Amino acid sequence: VLTATALATWAAPALAAGPAASAALAANQASHDSAADH
């Protein structure tokens, strides 16, 4: 079960910015955090 509070406060990394940031994030180790953790 996903609690409402947890769902409201979790945010995935915002990758929709300029292409340089998206490319740099993709080239690095991925974040361990996911919606399932919350």
Full PDB file with SEQRES, HELIX, SHEET, SSBOND, CRYST1, ORIGX, SCALE, CONECT and MASTER records, all heavy atoms in Angstrom:
SEQRES   1 A   38  VAL LEU THR ALA THR ALA LEU ALA THR TRP ALA ALA PRO          
SEQRES   2 A   38  ALA LEU ALA ALA GLY PRO ALA ALA SER ALA ALA LEU ALA          
SEQRES   3 A   38  ALA ASN GLN ALA SER HIS ASP SER ALA ALA ASP HIS              
HELIX    1 AA1 ALA A    4  THR A    9  1                                   6    
HELIX    2 AA2 PRO A   19  ALA A   27  1                                   9    
HELIX    3 AA3 ALA A   35  ASP A   37  5                                   3    
CRYST1    1.000    1.000    1.000  90.00  90.00  90.00 P 1           1          
ORIGX1      1.000000  0.000000  0.000000        0.00000                         
ORIGX2      0.000000  1.000000  0.000000        0.00000                         
ORIGX3      0.000000  0.000000  1.000000        0.00000                         
SCALE1      1.000000  0.000000  0.000000        0.00000                         
SCALE2      0.000000  1.000000  0.000000        0.00000                         
SCALE3      0.000000  0.000000  1.000000        0.00000                         
ATOM      1  N   VAL A   1       0.836  -1.186   0.000  1.00  0.00           N  
ATOM      2  CA  VAL A   1       0.000   0.000   0.000  1.00  0.00           C  
ATOM      3  C   VAL A   1       0.877   1.244   0.000  1.00  0.00           C  
ATOM      4  O   VAL A   1       1.837   1.340   0.756  1.00  0.00           O  
ATOM      5  CB  VAL A   1      -0.923   0.019   1.238  1.00  0.00           C  
ATOM      6  CG1 VAL A   1      -1.742   1.302   1.278  1.00  0.00           C  
ATOM      7  CG2 VAL A   1      -1.848  -1.184   1.211  1.00  0.00           C  
ATOM      8  N   LEU A   2       0.535   2.198  -0.844  1.00  0.00           N  
ATOM      9  CA  LEU A   2       1.232   3.481  -0.878  1.00  0.00           C  
ATOM     10  C   LEU A   2       0.428   4.472  -0.054  1.00  0.00           C  
ATOM     11  O   LEU A   2      -0.719   4.762  -0.360  1.00  0.00           O  
ATOM     12  CB  LEU A   2       1.336   3.983  -2.323  1.00  0.00           C  
ATOM     13  CG  LEU A   2       1.902   5.392  -2.526  1.00  0.00           C  
ATOM     14  CD1 LEU A   2       3.339   5.433  -2.044  1.00  0.00           C  
ATOM     15  CD2 LEU A   2       1.805   5.805  -3.972  1.00  0.00           C  
ATOM     16  N   THR A   3       1.025   4.987   1.023  1.00  0.00           N  
ATOM     17  CA  THR A   3       0.310   5.975   1.828  1.00  0.00           C  
ATOM     18  C   THR A   3       0.184   7.268   1.039  1.00  0.00           C  
ATOM     19  O   THR A   3       1.046   7.632   0.270  1.00  0.00           O  
ATOM     20  CB  THR A   3       1.045   6.258   3.142  1.00  0.00           C  
ATOM     21  OG1 THR A   3       2.266   6.920   2.846  1.00  0.00           O  
ATOM     22  CG2 THR A   3       1.325   4.980   3.906  1.00  0.00           C  
ATOM     23  N   ALA A   4      -0.896   7.999   1.264  1.00  0.00           N  
ATOM     24  CA  ALA A   4      -1.128   9.242   0.525  1.00  0.00           C  
ATOM     25  C   ALA A   4      -0.033  10.258   0.794  1.00  0.00           C  
ATOM     26  O   ALA A   4       0.412  10.984  -0.094  1.00  0.00           O  
ATOM     27  CB  ALA A   4      -2.497   9.816   0.904  1.00  0.00           C  
ATOM     28  N   THR A   5       0.420  10.316   2.047  1.00  0.00           N  
ATOM     29  CA  THR A   5       1.467  11.285   2.388  1.00  0.00           C  
ATOM     30  C   THR A   5       2.757  10.966   1.663  1.00  0.00           C  
ATOM     31  O   THR A   5       3.430  11.842   1.108  1.00  0.00           O  
ATOM     32  CB  THR A   5       1.720  11.286   3.906  1.00  0.00           C  
ATOM     33  OG1 THR A   5       0.505  11.614   4.569  1.00  0.00           O  
ATOM     34  CG2 THR A   5       2.785  12.301   4.277  1.00  0.00           C  
ATOM     35  N   ALA A   6       3.123   9.713   1.637  1.00  0.00           N  
ATOM     36  CA  ALA A   6       4.363   9.323   0.968  1.00  0.00           C  
ATOM     37  C   ALA A   6       4.292   9.609  -0.523  1.00  0.00           C  
ATOM     38  O   ALA A   6       5.246  10.120  -1.117  1.00  0.00           O  
ATOM     39  CB  ALA A   6       4.646   7.843   1.207  1.00  0.00           C  
ATOM     40  N   LEU A   7       3.159   9.288  -1.150  1.00  0.00           N  
ATOM     41  CA  LEU A   7       3.018   9.518  -2.580  1.00  0.00           C  
ATOM     42  C   LEU A   7       3.110  11.009  -2.908  1.00  0.00           C  
ATOM     43  O   LEU A   7       3.728  11.401  -3.890  1.00  0.00           O  
ATOM     44  CB  LEU A   7       1.671   8.965  -3.063  1.00  0.00           C  
ATOM     45  CG  LEU A   7       1.353   9.157  -4.548  1.00  0.00           C  
ATOM     46  CD1 LEU A   7       2.401   8.480  -5.392  1.00  0.00           C  
ATOM     47  CD2 LEU A   7      -0.034   8.631  -4.863  1.00  0.00           C  
ATOM     48  N   ALA A   8       2.549  11.833  -2.036  1.00  0.00           N  
ATOM     49  CA  ALA A   8       2.536  13.269  -2.307  1.00  0.00           C  
ATOM     50  C   ALA A   8       3.915  13.885  -2.203  1.00  0.00           C  
ATOM     51  O   ALA A   8       4.190  14.917  -2.810  1.00  0.00           O  
ATOM     52  CB  ALA A   8       1.584  13.971  -1.325  1.00  0.00           C  
ATOM     53  N   THR A   9       4.798  13.278  -1.424  1.00  0.00           N  
ATOM     54  CA  THR A   9       6.098  13.909  -1.184  1.00  0.00           C  
ATOM     55  C   THR A   9       7.219  13.305  -1.995  1.00  0.00           C  
ATOM     56  O   THR A   9       8.310  13.852  -2.044  1.00  0.00           O  
ATOM     57  CB  THR A   9       6.476  13.804   0.306  1.00  0.00           C  
ATOM     58  OG1 THR A   9       6.497  12.424   0.680  1.00  0.00           O  
ATOM     59  CG2 THR A   9       5.465  14.550   1.167  1.00  0.00           C  
ATOM     60  N   TRP A  10       6.977  12.184  -2.665  1.00  0.00           N  
ATOM     61  CA  TRP A  10       8.036  11.610  -3.498  1.00  0.00           C  
ATOM     62  C   TRP A  10       8.004  12.254  -4.867  1.00  0.00           C  
ATOM     63  O   TRP A  10       6.956  12.492  -5.453  1.00  0.00           O  
ATOM     64  CB  TRP A  10       7.857  10.101  -3.648  1.00  0.00           C  
ATOM     65  CG  TRP A  10       8.959   9.506  -4.484  1.00  0.00           C  
ATOM     66  CD1 TRP A  10      10.196   9.161  -4.059  1.00  0.00           C  
ATOM     67  CD2 TRP A  10       8.908   9.227  -5.888  1.00  0.00           C  
ATOM     68  NE1 TRP A  10      10.940   8.677  -5.107  1.00  0.00           N  
ATOM     69  CE2 TRP A  10      10.173   8.700  -6.248  1.00  0.00           C  
ATOM     70  CE3 TRP A  10       7.946   9.364  -6.879  1.00  0.00           C  
ATOM     71  CZ2 TRP A  10      10.489   8.306  -7.534  1.00  0.00           C  
ATOM     72  CZ3 TRP A  10       8.261   8.980  -8.164  1.00  0.00           C  
ATOM     73  CH2 TRP A  10       9.511   8.449  -8.479  1.00  0.00           C  
ATOM     74  N   ALA A  11       9.199  12.594  -5.393  1.00  0.00           N  
ATOM     75  CA  ALA A  11       9.289  13.168  -6.729  1.00  0.00           C  
ATOM     76  C   ALA A  11      10.415  12.501  -7.487  1.00  0.00           C  
ATOM     77  O   ALA A  11      11.517  12.384  -6.988  1.00  0.00           O  
ATOM     78  CB  ALA A  11       9.534  14.676  -6.649  1.00  0.00           C  
ATOM     79  N   ALA A  12      10.106  12.028  -8.680  1.00  0.00           N  
ATOM     80  CA  ALA A  12      11.160  11.467  -9.526  1.00  0.00           C  
ATOM     81  C   ALA A  12      12.069  12.583 -10.007  1.00  0.00           C  
ATOM     82  O   ALA A  12      11.658  13.738 -10.090  1.00  0.00           O  
ATOM     83  CB  ALA A  12      10.531  10.763 -10.731  1.00  0.00           C  
ATOM     84  N   PRO A  13      13.331  12.298 -10.312  1.00  0.00           N  
ATOM     85  CA  PRO A  13      14.220  13.327 -10.851  1.00  0.00           C  
ATOM     86  C   PRO A  13      13.635  13.965 -12.106  1.00  0.00           C  
ATOM     87  O   PRO A  13      13.117  13.280 -12.978  1.00  0.00           O  
ATOM     88  CB  PRO A  13      15.506  12.543 -11.177  1.00  0.00           C  
ATOM     89  CG  PRO A  13      15.470  11.367 -10.258  1.00  0.00           C  
ATOM     90  CD  PRO A  13      14.017  11.010 -10.119  1.00  0.00           C  
ATOM     91  N   ALA A  14      13.694  15.321 -12.154  1.00  0.00           N  
ATOM     92  CA  ALA A  14      13.094  16.043 -13.272  1.00  0.00           C  
ATOM     93  C   ALA A  14      14.063  16.063 -14.453  1.00  0.00           C  
ATOM     94  O   ALA A  14      14.994  16.834 -14.482  1.00  0.00           O  
ATOM     95  CB  ALA A  14      12.752  17.467 -12.838  1.00  0.00           C  
ATOM     96  N   LEU A  15      13.823  15.180 -15.416  1.00  0.00           N  
ATOM     97  CA  LEU A  15      14.746  15.026 -16.530  1.00  0.00           C  
ATOM     98  C   LEU A  15      14.294  15.762 -17.783  1.00  0.00           C  
ATOM     99  O   LEU A  15      14.851  15.573 -18.848  1.00  0.00           O  
ATOM    100  CB  LEU A  15      14.926  13.540 -16.847  1.00  0.00           C  
ATOM    101  CG  LEU A  15      15.430  12.657 -15.715  1.00  0.00           C  
ATOM    102  CD1 LEU A  15      15.602  11.230 -16.212  1.00  0.00           C  
ATOM    103  CD2 LEU A  15      16.741  13.179 -15.149  1.00  0.00           C  
ATOM    104  N   ALA A  16      13.260  16.605 -17.676  1.00  0.00           N  
ATOM    105  CA  ALA A  16      12.716  17.250 -18.865  1.00  0.00           C  
ATOM    106  C   ALA A  16      13.348  18.600 -19.152  1.00  0.00           C  
ATOM    107  O   ALA A  16      12.830  19.368 -19.943  1.00  0.00           O  
ATOM    108  CB  ALA A  16      11.209  17.414 -18.711  1.00  0.00           C  
ATOM    109  N   ALA A  17      14.459  18.928 -18.496  1.00  0.00           N  
ATOM    110  CA  ALA A  17      15.132  20.204 -18.726  1.00  0.00           C  
ATOM    111  C   ALA A  17      15.959  20.126 -19.993  1.00  0.00           C  
ATOM    112  O   ALA A  17      15.674  19.326 -20.884  1.00  0.00           O  
ATOM    113  CB  ALA A  17      15.990  20.547 -17.510  1.00  0.00           C  
ATOM    114  N   GLY A  18      16.995  20.974 -20.107  1.00  0.00           N  
ATOM    115  CA  GLY A  18      17.832  20.970 -21.296  1.00  0.00           C  
ATOM    116  C   GLY A  18      18.487  19.620 -21.528  1.00  0.00           C  
ATOM    117  O   GLY A  18      18.660  18.832 -20.602  1.00  0.00           O  
ATOM    118  N   PRO A  19      18.889  19.343 -22.753  1.00  0.00           N  
ATOM    119  CA  PRO A  19      19.452  18.030 -23.071  1.00  0.00           C  
ATOM    120  C   PRO A  19      20.778  17.754 -22.377  1.00  0.00           C  
ATOM    121  O   PRO A  19      21.116  16.600 -22.147  1.00  0.00           O  
ATOM    122  CB  PRO A  19      19.621  18.084 -24.593  1.00  0.00           C  
ATOM    123  CG  PRO A  19      19.646  19.542 -24.932  1.00  0.00           C  
ATOM    124  CD  PRO A  19      18.759  20.202 -23.936  1.00  0.00           C  
ATOM    125  N   ALA A  20      21.532  18.778 -22.029  1.00  0.00           N  
ATOM    126  CA  ALA A  20      22.840  18.537 -21.404  1.00  0.00           C  
ATOM    127  C   ALA A  20      22.688  17.889 -20.040  1.00  0.00           C  
ATOM    128  O   ALA A  20      23.415  16.956 -19.693  1.00  0.00           O  
ATOM    129  CB  ALA A  20      23.620  19.841 -21.293  1.00  0.00           C  
ATOM    130  N   ALA A  21      21.735  18.368 -19.243  1.00  0.00           N  
ATOM    131  CA  ALA A  21      21.515  17.776 -17.923  1.00  0.00           C  
ATOM    132  C   ALA A  21      21.003  16.352 -18.037  1.00  0.00           C  
ATOM    133  O   ALA A  21      21.443  15.459 -17.310  1.00  0.00           O  
ATOM    134  CB  ALA A  21      20.535  18.623 -17.119  1.00  0.00           C  
ATOM    135  N   SER A  22      20.071  16.124 -18.955  1.00  0.00           N  
ATOM    136  CA  SER A  22      19.544  14.780 -19.152  1.00  0.00           C  
ATOM    137  C   SER A  22      20.653  13.809 -19.551  1.00  0.00           C  
ATOM    138  O   SER A  22      20.726  12.687 -19.044  1.00  0.00           O  
ATOM    139  CB  SER A  22      18.458  14.795 -20.226  1.00  0.00           C  
ATOM    140  OG  SER A  22      17.371  15.594 -19.832  1.00  0.00           O  
ATOM    141  N   ALA A  23      21.520  14.240 -20.449  1.00  0.00           N  
ATOM    142  CA  ALA A  23      22.609  13.376 -20.898  1.00  0.00           C  
ATOM    143  C   ALA A  23      23.597  13.100 -19.776  1.00  0.00           C  
ATOM    144  O   ALA A  23      24.085  11.977 -19.620  1.00  0.00           O  
ATOM    145  CB  ALA A  23      23.325  14.024 -22.085  1.00  0.00           C  
ATOM    146  N   ALA A  24      23.889  14.121 -18.970  1.00  0.00           N  
ATOM    147  CA  ALA A  24      24.837  13.938 -17.870  1.00  0.00           C  
ATOM    148  C   ALA A  24      24.277  12.998 -16.815  1.00  0.00           C  
ATOM    149  O   ALA A  24      24.987  12.132 -16.284  1.00  0.00           O  
ATOM    150  CB  ALA A  24      25.186  15.287 -17.255  1.00  0.00           C  
ATOM    151  N   LEU A  25      23.002  13.148 -16.490  1.00  0.00           N  
ATOM    152  CA  LEU A  25      22.387  12.248 -15.521  1.00  0.00           C  
ATOM    153  C   LEU A  25      22.374  10.816 -16.036  1.00  0.00           C  
ATOM    154  O   LEU A  25      22.646   9.865 -15.291  1.00  0.00           O  
ATOM    155  CB  LEU A  25      20.960  12.705 -15.211  1.00  0.00           C  
ATOM    156  CG  LEU A  25      20.842  13.961 -14.327  1.00  0.00           C  
ATOM    157  CD1 LEU A  25      19.436  14.517 -14.380  1.00  0.00           C  
ATOM    158  CD2 LEU A  25      21.233  13.631 -12.893  1.00  0.00           C  
ATOM    159  N   ALA A  26      22.070  10.641 -17.314  1.00  0.00           N  
ATOM    160  CA  ALA A  26      22.021   9.297 -17.895  1.00  0.00           C  
ATOM    161  C   ALA A  26      23.390   8.629 -17.903  1.00  0.00           C  
ATOM    162  O   ALA A  26      23.490   7.399 -17.847  1.00  0.00           O  
ATOM    163  CB  ALA A  26      21.462   9.363 -19.312  1.00  0.00           C  
ATOM    164  N   ALA A  27      24.453   9.433 -17.969  1.00  0.00           N  
ATOM    165  CA  ALA A  27      25.803   8.871 -18.027  1.00  0.00           C  
ATOM    166  C   ALA A  27      26.340   8.479 -16.659  1.00  0.00           C  
ATOM    167  O   ALA A  27      27.352   7.781 -16.563  1.00  0.00           O  
ATOM    168  CB  ALA A  27      26.753   9.879 -18.672  1.00  0.00           C  
ATOM    169  N   ASN A  28      25.673   8.919 -15.604  1.00  0.00           N  
ATOM    170  CA  ASN A  28      26.125   8.622 -14.249  1.00  0.00           C  
ATOM    171  C   ASN A  28      25.334   7.468 -13.638  1.00  0.00           C  
ATOM    172  O   ASN A  28      24.324   7.019 -14.181  1.00  0.00           O  
ATOM    173  CB  ASN A  28      25.989   9.867 -13.382  1.00  0.00           C  
ATOM    174  CG  ASN A  28      27.101  10.862 -13.625  1.00  0.00           C  
ATOM    175  OD1 ASN A  28      28.272  10.524 -13.547  1.00  0.00           O  
ATOM    176  ND2 ASN A  28      26.740  12.101 -13.940  1.00  0.00           N  
ATOM    177  N   GLN A  29      25.823   7.008 -12.484  1.00  0.00           N  
ATOM    178  CA  GLN A  29      25.110   5.950 -11.770  1.00  0.00           C  
ATOM    179  C   GLN A  29      23.688   6.413 -11.460  1.00  0.00           C  
ATOM    180  O   GLN A  29      23.475   7.534 -11.006  1.00  0.00           O  
ATOM    181  CB  GLN A  29      25.825   5.602 -10.467  1.00  0.00           C  
ATOM    182  CG  GLN A  29      25.132   4.495  -9.686  1.00  0.00           C  
ATOM    183  CD  GLN A  29      25.758   4.257  -8.319  1.00  0.00           C  
ATOM    184  OE1 GLN A  29      26.578   5.031  -7.867  1.00  0.00           O  
ATOM    185  NE2 GLN A  29      25.366   3.179  -7.672  1.00  0.00           N  
ATOM    186  N   ALA A  30      22.714   5.564 -11.680  1.00  0.00           N  
ATOM    187  CA  ALA A  30      21.320   5.921 -11.442  1.00  0.00           C  
ATOM    188  C   ALA A  30      21.037   6.054  -9.947  1.00  0.00           C  
ATOM    189  O   ALA A  30      21.677   5.407  -9.113  1.00  0.00           O  
ATOM    190  CB  ALA A  30      20.394   4.875 -12.051  1.00  0.00           C  
ATOM    191  N   SER A  31      20.077   6.895  -9.634  1.00  0.00           N  
ATOM    192  CA  SER A  31      19.640   7.059  -8.253  1.00  0.00           C  
ATOM    193  C   SER A  31      19.046   5.764  -7.721  1.00  0.00           C  
ATOM    194  O   SER A  31      18.379   5.015  -8.439  1.00  0.00           O  
ATOM    195  CB  SER A  31      18.587   8.165  -8.185  1.00  0.00           C  
ATOM    196  OG  SER A  31      17.954   8.186  -6.917  1.00  0.00           O  
ATOM    197  N   HIS A  32      19.292   5.503  -6.438  1.00  0.00           N  
ATOM    198  CA  HIS A  32      18.699   4.331  -5.793  1.00  0.00           C  
ATOM    199  C   HIS A  32      17.226   4.557  -5.472  1.00  0.00           C  
ATOM    200  O   HIS A  32      16.459   3.611  -5.259  1.00  0.00           O  
ATOM    201  CB  HIS A  32      19.434   4.005  -4.488  1.00  0.00           C  
ATOM    202  CG  HIS A  32      19.289   5.077  -3.443  1.00  0.00           C  
ATOM    203  ND1 HIS A  32      20.174   6.129  -3.326  1.00  0.00           N  
ATOM    204  CD2 HIS A  32      18.349   5.288  -2.483  1.00  0.00           C  
ATOM    205  CE1 HIS A  32      19.806   6.917  -2.331  1.00  0.00           C  
ATOM    206  NE2 HIS A  32      18.690   6.434  -1.815  1.00  0.00           N  
ATOM    207  N   ASP A  33      16.777   5.816  -5.425  1.00  0.00           N  
ATOM    208  CA  ASP A  33      15.431   6.145  -4.963  1.00  0.00           C  
ATOM    209  C   ASP A  33      14.401   5.843  -6.041  1.00  0.00           C  
ATOM    210  O   ASP A  33      14.623   6.121  -7.225  1.00  0.00           O  
ATOM    211  CB  ASP A  33      15.376   7.618  -4.586  1.00  0.00           C  
ATOM    212  CG  ASP A  33      14.097   7.985  -3.870  1.00  0.00           C  
ATOM    213  OD1 ASP A  33      13.623   7.164  -3.059  1.00  0.00           O  
ATOM    214  OD2 ASP A  33      13.563   9.080  -4.117  1.00  0.00           O  
ATOM    215  N   SER A  34      13.272   5.283  -5.640  1.00  0.00           N  
ATOM    216  CA  SER A  34      12.186   4.990  -6.568  1.00  0.00           C  
ATOM    217  C   SER A  34      10.857   5.136  -5.850  1.00  0.00           C  
ATOM    218  O   SER A  34      10.792   5.207  -4.621  1.00  0.00           O  
ATOM    219  CB  SER A  34      12.317   3.566  -7.121  1.00  0.00           C  
ATOM    220  OG  SER A  34      12.068   2.628  -6.100  1.00  0.00           O  
ATOM    221  N   ALA A  35       9.767   5.177  -6.624  1.00  0.00           N  
ATOM    222  CA  ALA A  35       8.437   5.314  -6.028  1.00  0.00           C  
ATOM    223  C   ALA A  35       8.137   4.172  -5.078  1.00  0.00           C  
ATOM    224  O   ALA A  35       7.466   4.348  -4.051  1.00  0.00           O  
ATOM    225  CB  ALA A  35       7.387   5.389  -7.133  1.00  0.00           C  
ATOM    226  N   ALA A  36       8.642   2.996  -5.381  1.00  0.00           N  
ATOM    227  CA  ALA A  36       8.378   1.834  -4.529  1.00  0.00           C  
ATOM    228  C   ALA A  36       8.944   2.000  -3.124  1.00  0.00           C  
ATOM    229  O   ALA A  36       8.408   1.438  -2.158  1.00  0.00           O  
ATOM    230  CB  ALA A  36       8.955   0.576  -5.180  1.00  0.00           C  
ATOM    231  N   ASP A  37      10.026   2.786  -3.003  1.00  0.00           N  
ATOM    232  CA  ASP A  37      10.616   3.003  -1.683  1.00  0.00           C  
ATOM    233  C   ASP A  37       9.675   3.753  -0.756  1.00  0.00           C  
ATOM    234  O   ASP A  37       9.799   3.669   0.472  1.00  0.00           O  
ATOM    235  CB  ASP A  37      11.922   3.796  -1.807  1.00  0.00           C  
ATOM    236  CG  ASP A  37      12.985   3.063  -2.585  1.00  0.00           C  
ATOM    237  OD1 ASP A  37      12.865   1.836  -2.737  1.00  0.00           O  
ATOM    238  OD2 ASP A  37      13.927   3.725  -3.065  1.00  0.00           O  
ATOM    239  N   HIS A  38       8.730   4.494  -1.340  1.00  0.00           N  
ATOM    240  CA  HIS A  38       7.834   5.334  -0.558  1.00  0.00           C  
ATOM    241  C   HIS A  38       6.472   4.663  -0.364  1.00  0.00           C  
ATOM    242  O   HIS A  38       5.478   5.334  -0.077  1.00  0.00           O  
ATOM    243  CB  HIS A  38       7.690   6.686  -1.244  1.00  0.00           C  
ATOM    244  CG  HIS A  38       8.997   7.402  -1.424  1.00  0.00           C  
ATOM    245  ND1 HIS A  38       9.336   8.538  -0.731  1.00  0.00           N  
ATOM    246  CD2 HIS A  38      10.069   7.115  -2.212  1.00  0.00           C  
ATOM    247  CE1 HIS A  38      10.556   8.929  -1.087  1.00  0.00           C  
ATOM    248  NE2 HIS A  38      11.014   8.071  -1.992  1.00  0.00           N  
TER     249      HIS A  38                                                      
MASTER        0    0    0    3    0    0    0    6  248    1    0    3          
END                                                                             
